[in-house]
Amino acid sequence: MLLYVNISHDEIFVLLNLRSRNMTQPPTDQAETENILRDVRRIVRALSLASRDLARTHELTVAQLLCLRVLRNTGMLSAGALANALSISPQTVTGLLDRLHARGLIARARSETDRRQVLISLSDQGEKLLAATSPSLQDRFVQRFSALPPNRRAELSEALSAVVSLLEADSLDAAPLLA
């Protein structure tokens, strides 16, 4: 996936002073812009490679893996509660659950208190699959990001939000999930 962005050097300087804190003038060439775009493409590539590796080694999508992890951590959930936990639509979670159920990775059962409600839980086979997976890109990111000083985390968050705005992607819906 190639990413092309049309932004000015001044916007990059003001919003994303990532490479050098001592710069007092906007860049005079395209090097800074190219470095940032290259970094964005590296992020996209890392996500793509991690997703492809997960599919190859465990025949899972990132959303499926995270669904299984939520079920492991919470126990039984309704499809609606699971959709909320994953920040995805109920329609999307229904298809995801159908595929996981077909593989025997989850179990569905009627609620004891409300027979109209179906609760989803992780099956033994799902537990075994989770035990066989290595830490995901998201796990590694969370661990490293959490280890940073609070002011550095805030700087990175602000800079990345600026990149999202510059890419005109701030109106796109996205769950807080990585590969």
Foldseek 3Di string as FASTA:
>chain_A
DADDFDDDQVLCVVQPVDPDPPDPDGDPDCPSVVVVSVVVVVQVVLLVVLQVVCCVPQVDGQLLLVLLVVQVVPPKDFLVVSCVVQVHDSVVSVVSVVVCVVVVQKDWDADPVHRVTIIIHGDPVVVVSNVPDDDGPVNVCVVVLVPDPPVVNVSVVSSVVSVCVSSVNPVPRDGPTTD
